[in-house]
C-alpha cells in the first residue's frame, strides 16, 4: 500500500491541520508532570541516580507523546522526536536500575552524546517544522539541553581533575570511609579548632586563623563534601560532624584539650562536640551561634534519619549541581552543593543534639554577637548561651553583621580577639594551683 502506514491504519476522519503547537505544548507539560510524579514515586530510589533517572523517564515520555500525537492528530508528523525519547528513556532506565555505578559511567558518555543529539534535532526542526510557533517552543528546549551537555561535561572533567589533585597546604586524613581536609598552623596550647558556618569551608576563615596562629596553634578543616574533603554516605548531622572531627584530630595527631570556636551553625557542632567529649574541650567561643533547642525532646538526642521527601529534595538539588547549578549559586561543586543543602535539611536534628550540653560548668566561654541584623529573639538566645558557664563573657560587636564577623577585616579581628581571650582564660585557669 502506498503512503504512510501509520496514516493508513486509521479510518478517514476530519483533516488534520495546524494543531501541532497545542500538541507540543500539551505533550511537554505532560512530560514534566510525569517526571515530577515519578521522581516522588515510592518505587523510585530516593537517591541522586534514582531521581535523575525518574526525571529522564518523564522527559522521554514527553518526547514520545510529541511523536505519537503529531502523527495521529496533525498534518506535520514529527517522528524524529522518537529518537530523543529513546535516548532519554534508556538513560533514565539504566540510572534507576543500576544506580551510582551507572551514573559515573554516564557522566562521561552522556554530555557528548546529548550534544550531538541536540545538534541533529535542531536540523530536524529546521527541515521538518513549518510552524514558527512550534519552533519557538522547541528551540529553547534544544538550547537548554545543549547547555546541560556543556556544563555537565565541564563539571565531570573538573571533578576528575580536582579528585586527582592534592591540597597545597594541610592534609587529607581518612576518618572512616571518607577523607577530611585538616590544616593546622602556629604553636602553643591550647589548640584552637574553628568550625565555619553553614555552607562554608576552611578557606572562609582566612581573615581569622592567621591572627590566632600568632598566639597559639589553630586548626581549620573542611566538613564532608566541601572544600578538599570527600563526600560522606552518612547523614551529616551535628553528632556525625562532631564524631568525624574527633577522629580527624586524633588521627591527625592534634591533641586536646581544645578551644572550640564555631560561627553560626558551626556553634551547634562545637556545642555537640563539647557534650560528647567534655574532657577534650577546655573552652568555647560561640560566634553569633545558632542556638540549640530551647526545649529538647527528653532522652538521648535523636540521630539523623532523613525522611523520603528530604532525601529526594537533596537528590534533585545535587542533580542540578552536576549540571552547573552550584556555579550559579556561588558553590564550588555538586558535592559542596549537596553538603550545604543536607546541612539545612538536617538542621532540626543538629539543633536538638546541641542541646545535650546543659552546662559548661566554669570553663571559659566567650559569646560574640553581631550588633546589626539580628532577628527577633536572637539576643535572648545569645544570652542563654552565655549562661551555660559561670566563667563566661558576652560581647556584642557594634556595627557587625552575622557574616561580617568572619569576612570583614575589622570585624574578623574582633572575632580573633574573642578566640584569643578564651585561650588566655584557659591558660590562666590551667595555671592555678
Protein backbone atom coordinates (compact mmCIF):
# COMPACT_ATOMS: atom_id res chain seq x y z
CA UNK A 1 0.00 0.00 0.00
CA UNK A 2 1.32 3.46 -0.89
CA UNK A 3 1.58 6.28 1.62
CA UNK A 4 2.22 6.47 5.31
CA UNK A 5 1.41 3.13 7.00
CA UNK A 6 0.61 4.94 10.25
CA UNK A 7 -1.91 7.09 8.43
CA UNK A 8 -3.34 4.12 6.60
CA UNK A 9 -4.01 2.32 9.87
CA UNK A 10 -6.57 4.93 10.93
CA UNK A 11 -10.03 5.37 9.41
CA UNK A 12 -10.72 8.52 7.43
CA UNK A 13 -11.67 11.49 9.56
CA UNK A 14 -11.57 15.28 9.64
CA UNK A 15 -8.48 16.84 8.04
CA UNK A 16 -5.55 17.11 10.41
CA UNK A 17 -4.49 20.74 10.33
CA UNK A 18 -2.32 23.05 12.33
CA UNK A 19 -2.83 21.81 15.84
CA UNK A 20 0.83 20.94 16.34
CA UNK A 21 1.59 23.87 18.62
CA UNK A 22 -1.04 22.85 21.14
CA UNK A 23 0.02 19.21 20.87
CA UNK A 24 3.69 20.03 21.54
CA UNK A 25 2.81 22.29 24.47
CA UNK A 26 0.48 19.67 25.93
CA UNK A 27 2.97 16.85 25.47
CA UNK A 28 5.72 18.92 27.08
CA UNK A 29 3.53 19.72 30.06
CA UNK A 30 2.52 16.08 30.37
CA UNK A 31 6.17 15.00 30.24
CA UNK A 32 7.05 17.44 33.03
CA UNK A 33 4.12 16.22 35.13
CA UNK A 34 5.11 12.58 34.63
CA UNK A 35 8.72 13.42 35.53
CA UNK A 36 7.68 15.01 38.83
CA UNK A 37 5.31 12.15 39.68
CA UNK A 38 8.00 9.54 39.00
CA UNK A 39 10.62 11.48 40.99
CA UNK A 40 8.29 11.34 44.02
CA UNK A 41 7.16 7.75 43.45
CA UNK A 42 8.00 5.36 46.32
CA UNK A 43 9.23 2.65 43.94
CA UNK A 44 11.95 5.01 42.63
CA UNK A 45 15.07 5.00 44.88
CA UNK A 46 15.45 8.27 46.83
CA UNK A 47 18.98 8.74 45.51
CA UNK A 48 20.58 11.11 43.04
CA UNK A 49 20.67 8.37 40.40
CA UNK A 50 17.10 7.28 41.08
CA UNK A 51 15.59 10.76 41.00
CA UNK A 52 17.62 11.76 37.94
CA UNK A 53 16.55 8.59 36.17
CA UNK A 54 12.91 9.27 37.02
CA UNK A 55 13.14 12.77 35.58
CA UNK A 56 14.68 11.45 32.38
CA UNK A 57 11.92 8.86 32.03
CA UNK A 58 9.34 11.61 32.38
CA UNK A 59 11.05 13.83 29.81
CA UNK A 60 11.32 10.82 27.49
CA UNK A 61 7.56 10.37 27.72
CA UNK A 62 7.11 14.00 26.65
CA UNK A 63 9.20 13.48 23.51
CA UNK A 64 7.36 10.22 22.80
CA UNK A 65 4.00 11.95 23.09
CA UNK A 66 5.09 14.54 20.55
CA UNK A 67 5.95 11.76 18.10
CA UNK A 68 2.68 9.87 18.58
CA UNK A 69 0.31 12.83 18.73
CA UNK A 70 1.88 14.71 15.83
CA UNK A 71 1.45 11.65 13.60
CA UNK A 72 -2.10 10.97 14.74
CA UNK A 73 -3.58 14.44 15.05
CA UNK A 74 -1.58 16.92 12.94
CA UNK A 75 -0.52 17.47 9.36
CA UNK A 76 3.15 17.82 10.39
CA UNK A 77 4.25 14.43 11.81
CA UNK A 78 7.45 14.70 13.88
CA UNK A 79 8.67 11.11 14.01
CA UNK A 80 12.23 12.23 14.73
CA UNK A 81 11.20 13.06 18.34
CA UNK A 82 11.14 9.32 19.00
CA UNK A 83 14.97 9.40 18.95
CA UNK A 84 15.42 11.72 21.99
CA UNK A 85 12.58 9.77 23.63
CA UNK A 86 14.52 6.52 23.32
CA UNK A 87 17.80 8.22 24.27
CA UNK A 88 16.43 9.74 27.48
CA UNK A 89 14.28 6.75 28.33
CA UNK A 90 17.20 4.34 28.07
CA UNK A 91 19.44 6.60 30.18
CA UNK A 92 16.73 7.02 32.81
CA UNK A 93 16.04 3.31 32.99
CA UNK A 94 19.74 2.47 33.40
CA UNK A 95 20.07 5.01 36.24
CA UNK A 96 17.03 3.69 38.08
CA UNK A 97 18.12 0.07 37.73
CA UNK A 98 21.88 0.32 38.31
CA UNK A 99 22.30 3.46 40.43
CA UNK A 100 25.55 5.27 41.11
CA UNK A 101 27.92 2.98 39.16
CA UNK A 102 25.90 3.70 36.02
CA UNK A 103 25.76 7.42 36.85
CA UNK A 104 29.55 7.55 36.97
CA UNK A 105 29.73 5.94 33.53
CA UNK A 106 27.02 8.12 32.00
CA UNK A 107 28.66 11.25 33.42
CA UNK A 108 31.34 10.77 30.76
CA UNK A 109 29.20 9.36 27.92
CA UNK A 110 26.05 11.43 28.27
CA UNK A 111 27.30 15.02 27.63
CA UNK A 112 28.88 14.45 24.19
CA UNK A 113 26.05 12.13 23.12
CA UNK A 114 23.41 14.65 24.22
CA UNK A 115 25.24 17.48 22.44
CA UNK A 116 25.37 15.52 19.18
CA UNK A 117 21.71 14.53 19.52
CA UNK A 118 20.58 18.12 20.05
CA UNK A 119 22.56 19.32 17.02
CA UNK A 120 20.82 16.65 14.97
CA UNK A 121 17.45 17.62 16.47
CA UNK A 122 17.98 21.27 15.56
CA UNK A 123 18.49 20.23 11.92
CA UNK A 124 15.30 18.12 12.03
CA UNK A 125 13.33 21.06 13.40
CA UNK A 126 14.61 23.42 10.71
CA UNK A 127 13.83 20.98 7.91
CA UNK A 128 10.54 19.46 9.04
CA UNK A 129 8.71 22.13 11.02
CA UNK A 130 6.84 24.77 9.04
CA UNK A 131 5.24 26.34 12.10
CA UNK A 132 7.23 29.20 13.60
CA UNK A 133 5.20 28.95 16.80
CA UNK A 134 6.24 25.33 17.32
CA UNK A 135 9.85 26.18 16.52
CA UNK A 136 9.64 28.85 19.22
CA UNK A 137 8.54 26.12 21.64
CA UNK A 138 11.23 23.59 20.74
CA UNK A 139 14.31 25.73 20.15
CA UNK A 140 14.54 26.88 23.81
CA UNK A 141 14.39 23.22 24.88
CA UNK A 142 17.23 22.41 22.48
CA UNK A 143 19.28 25.33 23.80
CA UNK A 144 18.74 24.25 27.43
CA UNK A 145 19.79 20.69 26.65
CA UNK A 146 22.88 21.90 24.78
CA UNK A 147 23.82 24.00 27.80
CA UNK A 148 23.19 20.98 30.07
CA UNK A 149 25.53 18.86 27.95
CA UNK A 150 28.27 21.50 28.07
CA UNK A 151 28.00 22.28 31.78
CA UNK A 152 27.59 18.60 32.68
CA UNK A 153 30.71 17.69 30.73
CA UNK A 154 32.64 20.54 32.29
CA UNK A 155 31.64 19.54 35.83
CA UNK A 156 32.61 15.91 35.18
CA UNK A 157 36.07 16.83 33.87
CA UNK A 158 36.59 19.43 36.58
CA UNK A 159 35.62 16.96 39.30
CA UNK A 160 38.02 14.34 37.94
CA UNK A 161 40.88 16.83 37.82
CA UNK A 162 40.19 18.00 41.36
CA UNK A 163 39.91 14.43 42.66
CA UNK A 164 43.37 13.72 41.28
CA UNK A 165 44.97 16.78 42.86
CA UNK A 166 46.19 17.37 46.40
CA UNK A 167 45.93 20.50 48.56
CA UNK A 168 48.96 22.75 48.60
CA UNK A 169 48.72 23.04 52.38
CA UNK A 170 47.23 20.80 55.03
CA UNK A 171 46.46 17.09 54.88
CA UNK A 172 43.72 14.70 53.81
CA UNK A 173 43.04 12.22 56.62
CA UNK A 174 40.79 9.16 56.46
CA UNK A 175 38.15 9.29 59.18
CA UNK A 176 36.39 6.07 58.18
CA UNK A 177 35.09 5.77 54.64
CA UNK A 178 35.98 9.30 53.55
CA UNK A 179 38.82 11.79 53.95
CA UNK A 180 38.65 15.19 55.59
CA UNK A 181 40.97 18.12 54.98
CA UNK A 182 42.86 19.44 58.05
CA UNK A 183 45.22 22.41 58.15
CA UNK A 184 46.94 23.41 61.40
CA UNK A 185 49.37 26.29 61.92
CA UNK A 186 51.06 28.04 64.83
CA UNK A 187 52.31 26.54 68.05
CA UNK A 188 51.46 26.51 71.72
CA UNK A 189 48.40 25.47 73.61
CA UNK A 190 45.55 25.07 73.92
CA UNK A 191 44.90 24.21 70.28
CA UNK A 192 42.05 26.18 68.76
CA UNK A 193 39.69 24.38 66.34
CA UNK A 194 37.40 26.62 64.28
CA UNK A 195 34.09 25.44 62.83
CA UNK A 196 32.84 27.57 59.90
CA UNK A 197 29.16 28.30 59.42
CA UNK A 198 26.67 26.55 57.17
CA UNK A 199 27.90 26.01 53.65
CA UNK A 200 31.34 27.49 54.34
CA UNK A 201 34.83 26.00 54.14
CA UNK A 202 38.18 26.39 55.85
CA UNK A 203 39.21 28.98 53.28
CA UNK A 204 36.41 31.28 54.52
CA UNK A 205 38.28 31.51 57.84
CA UNK A 206 41.36 33.09 56.27
CA UNK A 207 40.65 36.52 57.87
CA UNK A 208 40.72 34.89 61.36
CA UNK A 209 43.06 31.92 61.61
CA UNK A 210 46.41 33.70 60.88
CA UNK A 211 45.85 36.15 63.73
CA UNK A 212 45.07 33.30 66.11
CA UNK A 213 48.09 31.29 64.87
CA UNK A 214 50.42 34.07 66.01
CA UNK A 215 49.48 33.28 69.62
CA UNK A 216 48.66 29.56 69.70
CA UNK A 217 48.09 26.53 67.50
CA UNK A 218 44.96 26.70 65.37
CA UNK A 219 43.30 24.10 63.16
CA UNK A 220 40.75 24.59 60.41
CA UNK A 221 39.15 21.84 58.37
CA UNK A 222 36.54 21.16 55.70
CA UNK A 223 33.43 19.23 56.60
CA UNK A 224 32.47 16.28 54.40
CA UNK A 225 31.62 17.13 50.80
CA UNK A 226 33.09 20.62 50.68
CA UNK A 227 36.46 22.21 50.07
CA UNK A 228 39.08 19.48 49.81
CA UNK A 229 37.11 16.92 51.82
CA UNK A 230 35.42 13.86 50.35
CA UNK A 231 31.63 13.49 50.50
CA UNK A 232 30.20 11.04 53.01
CA UNK A 233 27.48 8.43 52.61
CA UNK A 234 26.36 9.02 56.22
CA UNK A 235 23.92 11.88 57.03
CA UNK A 236 25.98 14.80 58.33
CA UNK A 237 24.05 15.98 61.37
CA UNK A 238 25.76 17.60 64.34
CA UNK A 239 26.52 14.29 66.05
CA UNK A 240 28.21 12.84 62.96
CA UNK A 241 30.15 16.04 62.33
CA UNK A 242 31.41 16.03 65.93
CA UNK A 243 32.38 12.35 65.70
CA UNK A 244 34.24 12.89 62.42
CA UNK A 245 36.06 15.91 63.84
CA UNK A 246 37.10 13.91 66.90
CA UNK A 247 38.51 11.16 64.67
CA UNK A 248 40.19 13.72 62.42
CA UNK A 249 42.04 15.42 65.29
CA UNK A 250 43.07 12.11 66.83
CA UNK A 251 44.37 10.66 63.58
CA UNK A 252 45.96 13.98 62.72
CA UNK A 253 47.97 13.86 65.99
CA UNK A 254 46.49 17.13 67.24
CA UNK A 255 45.98 16.50 70.98
CA UNK A 256 43.50 18.33 73.18
CA UNK A 257 42.06 19.73 75.21
CA UNK A 258 40.84 22.24 72.62
CA UNK A 259 39.25 25.63 72.47
CA UNK A 260 36.41 25.16 70.01
CA UNK A 261 35.20 28.21 68.09
CA UNK A 262 32.04 27.93 65.99
CA UNK A 263 30.36 30.50 63.77
CA UNK A 264 26.62 30.25 63.09
CA UNK A 265 25.79 26.54 62.51
CA UNK A 266 29.39 25.83 63.49
CA UNK A 267 28.41 26.81 67.02
CA UNK A 268 25.94 23.92 67.10
CA UNK A 269 28.70 21.50 66.14
CA UNK A 270 31.05 22.95 68.78
CA UNK A 271 28.37 22.53 71.45
CA UNK A 272 27.69 18.95 70.35
CA UNK A 273 31.42 18.13 70.43
CA UNK A 274 31.68 19.58 73.95
CA UNK A 275 28.70 17.48 75.08
CA UNK A 276 30.11 14.27 73.62
CA UNK A 277 33.77 14.78 74.58
CA UNK A 278 33.73 17.06 77.65
CA UNK A 279 37.26 16.13 78.81
CA UNK A 280 38.68 17.24 75.47
CA UNK A 281 37.19 20.74 75.46
CA UNK A 282 38.85 23.41 77.58
CA UNK A 283 36.98 26.41 76.24
CA UNK A 284 34.29 27.53 73.83
CA UNK A 285 33.83 30.55 71.57
CA UNK A 286 30.36 30.91 70.04
CA UNK A 287 30.41 33.45 67.21
CA UNK A 288 26.86 34.64 66.59
CA UNK A 289 25.99 30.99 67.01
CA UNK A 290 22.74 29.33 66.10
CA UNK A 291 21.04 28.44 69.35
CA UNK A 292 20.32 24.84 70.35
CA UNK A 293 16.77 23.69 71.00
CA UNK A 294 15.26 25.51 73.98
CA UNK A 295 13.00 22.57 74.85
CA UNK A 296 14.73 19.44 73.55
CA UNK A 297 12.90 16.13 73.45
CA UNK A 298 13.60 14.13 76.63
CA UNK A 299 16.05 11.28 76.26
CA UNK A 300 19.11 10.90 74.06
CA UNK A 301 19.43 13.42 71.20
CA UNK A 302 17.94 11.96 68.01
CA UNK A 303 20.21 10.56 65.32
CA UNK A 304 19.60 11.88 61.85
CA UNK A 305 17.23 9.73 59.83
CA UNK A 306 16.17 11.88 56.87
CA UNK A 307 12.70 11.12 55.59
CA UNK A 308 12.00 10.18 51.99
CA UNK A 309 10.99 13.70 50.96
CA UNK A 310 14.19 15.23 52.37
CA UNK A 311 16.30 12.68 50.53
CA UNK A 312 14.52 13.34 47.24
CA UNK A 313 14.92 17.11 47.59
CA UNK A 314 18.61 16.64 48.27
CA UNK A 315 18.98 14.30 45.29
CA UNK A 316 17.17 16.73 43.00
CA UNK A 317 19.38 19.63 44.04
CA UNK A 318 22.62 17.71 43.63
CA UNK A 319 21.47 16.51 40.20
CA UNK A 320 21.18 20.17 39.26
CA UNK A 321 24.64 20.68 40.70
CA UNK A 322 26.04 18.15 38.22
CA UNK A 323 24.80 20.50 35.50
CA UNK A 324 26.48 23.58 36.95
CA UNK A 325 23.65 24.87 39.15
CA UNK A 326 26.10 25.25 42.01
CA UNK A 327 28.14 27.71 39.96
CA UNK A 328 25.13 29.99 39.63
CA UNK A 329 24.70 29.85 43.42
CA UNK A 330 28.38 30.52 44.11
CA UNK A 331 29.08 26.94 45.25
CA UNK A 332 32.27 25.27 44.08
CA UNK A 333 30.98 21.78 43.23
CA UNK A 334 27.96 19.48 43.18
CA UNK A 335 29.26 17.74 46.32
CA UNK A 336 29.54 21.09 48.08
CA UNK A 337 26.02 21.99 47.00
CA UNK A 338 24.65 18.69 48.32
CA UNK A 339 26.57 19.10 51.57
CA UNK A 340 25.08 22.56 52.07
CA UNK A 341 21.53 21.52 51.23
CA UNK A 342 21.76 18.49 53.52
CA UNK A 343 23.13 20.71 56.29
CA UNK A 344 19.93 22.77 56.26
CA UNK A 345 17.68 19.75 55.83
CA UNK A 346 19.28 18.16 58.91
CA UNK A 347 19.29 21.39 60.94
CA UNK A 348 16.46 20.21 63.18
CA UNK A 349 18.48 17.19 64.29
CA UNK A 350 21.60 19.30 64.84
CA UNK A 351 19.70 21.84 66.95
CA UNK A 352 18.37 19.08 69.21
CA UNK A 353 21.77 17.38 69.50
CA UNK A 354 23.49 20.63 70.51
CA UNK A 355 21.04 20.97 73.40
CA UNK A 356 22.72 17.95 75.03
CA UNK A 357 25.25 20.40 76.51
CA UNK A 358 23.22 21.55 79.53
CA UNK A 359 26.16 23.18 81.31
CA UNK A 360 29.76 24.09 80.60
CA UNK A 361 30.48 24.37 84.33
CA UNK A 362 33.16 27.01 85.00
CA UNK A 363 35.14 26.52 81.80
CA UNK A 364 35.90 29.68 79.76
CA UNK A 365 33.11 30.57 77.37
CA UNK A 366 33.05 33.63 75.09
CA UNK A 367 29.85 34.52 73.23
CA UNK A 368 30.35 37.01 70.42
CA UNK A 369 27.21 38.54 68.91
CA UNK A 370 26.65 40.78 65.90
CA UNK A 371 25.28 44.22 66.67
CA UNK A 372 23.22 44.55 63.49
CA UNK A 373 20.70 42.49 61.55
CA UNK A 374 19.57 40.14 64.32
CA UNK A 375 16.08 38.72 64.04
CA UNK A 376 13.65 38.91 66.99
CA UNK A 377 14.66 36.65 69.87
CA UNK A 378 18.28 36.33 68.72
CA UNK A 379 19.69 38.48 71.55
CA UNK A 380 17.89 36.38 74.15
CA UNK A 381 19.26 33.19 72.65
CA UNK A 382 22.79 34.63 72.82
CA UNK A 383 22.27 35.49 76.50
CA UNK A 384 21.12 31.91 77.10
CA UNK A 385 24.30 30.58 75.51
CA UNK A 386 26.42 32.79 77.76
CA UNK A 387 24.59 31.35 80.78
CA UNK A 388 25.97 27.86 80.06
CA UNK A 389 29.12 28.67 82.03
CA UNK A 390 29.79 30.55 85.26
CA UNK A 391 33.01 31.78 83.59
CA UNK A 392 31.57 33.46 80.50
CA UNK A 393 31.93 36.70 78.60
CA UNK A 394 29.24 38.01 76.26
CA UNK A 395 30.45 40.68 73.86
CA UNK A 396 28.35 42.45 71.22
CA UNK A 397 30.28 43.87 68.26
CA UNK A 398 28.51 47.10 67.37
CA UNK A 399 28.00 47.58 63.64
CA UNK A 400 28.92 43.98 62.82
CA UNK A 401 26.57 41.63 60.97
CA UNK A 402 26.32 37.86 61.15
CA UNK A 403 28.53 37.44 58.09
CA UNK A 404 30.95 40.30 58.71
CA UNK A 405 32.23 38.62 61.89
CA UNK A 406 34.25 36.34 59.62
CA UNK A 407 34.57 38.12 56.27
CA UNK A 408 35.16 41.76 57.18
CA UNK A 409 38.74 42.55 58.20
CA UNK A 410 37.78 44.81 61.12
CA UNK A 411 35.04 42.55 62.48
CA UNK A 412 37.08 39.39 61.87
CA UNK A 413 39.81 40.96 64.03
CA UNK A 414 37.23 41.20 66.82
CA UNK A 415 36.45 37.51 66.31
CA UNK A 416 40.13 36.60 66.52
CA UNK A 417 40.44 38.67 69.69
CA UNK A 418 37.50 36.82 71.25
CA UNK A 419 39.14 33.48 70.47
CA UNK A 420 42.43 34.62 71.98
CA UNK A 421 40.57 35.87 75.06
CA UNK A 422 39.25 32.33 75.54
CA UNK A 423 42.77 30.94 75.02
CA UNK A 424 44.13 33.31 77.71
CA UNK A 425 41.35 32.35 80.10
CA UNK A 426 42.14 28.64 79.62
CA UNK A 427 45.84 29.27 80.25
CA UNK A 428 45.06 31.22 83.42
CA UNK A 429 42.73 28.51 84.64
CA UNK A 430 45.34 25.80 83.98
CA UNK A 431 47.99 27.85 85.79
CA UNK A 432 46.05 27.89 89.04
CA UNK A 433 47.42 25.63 91.77
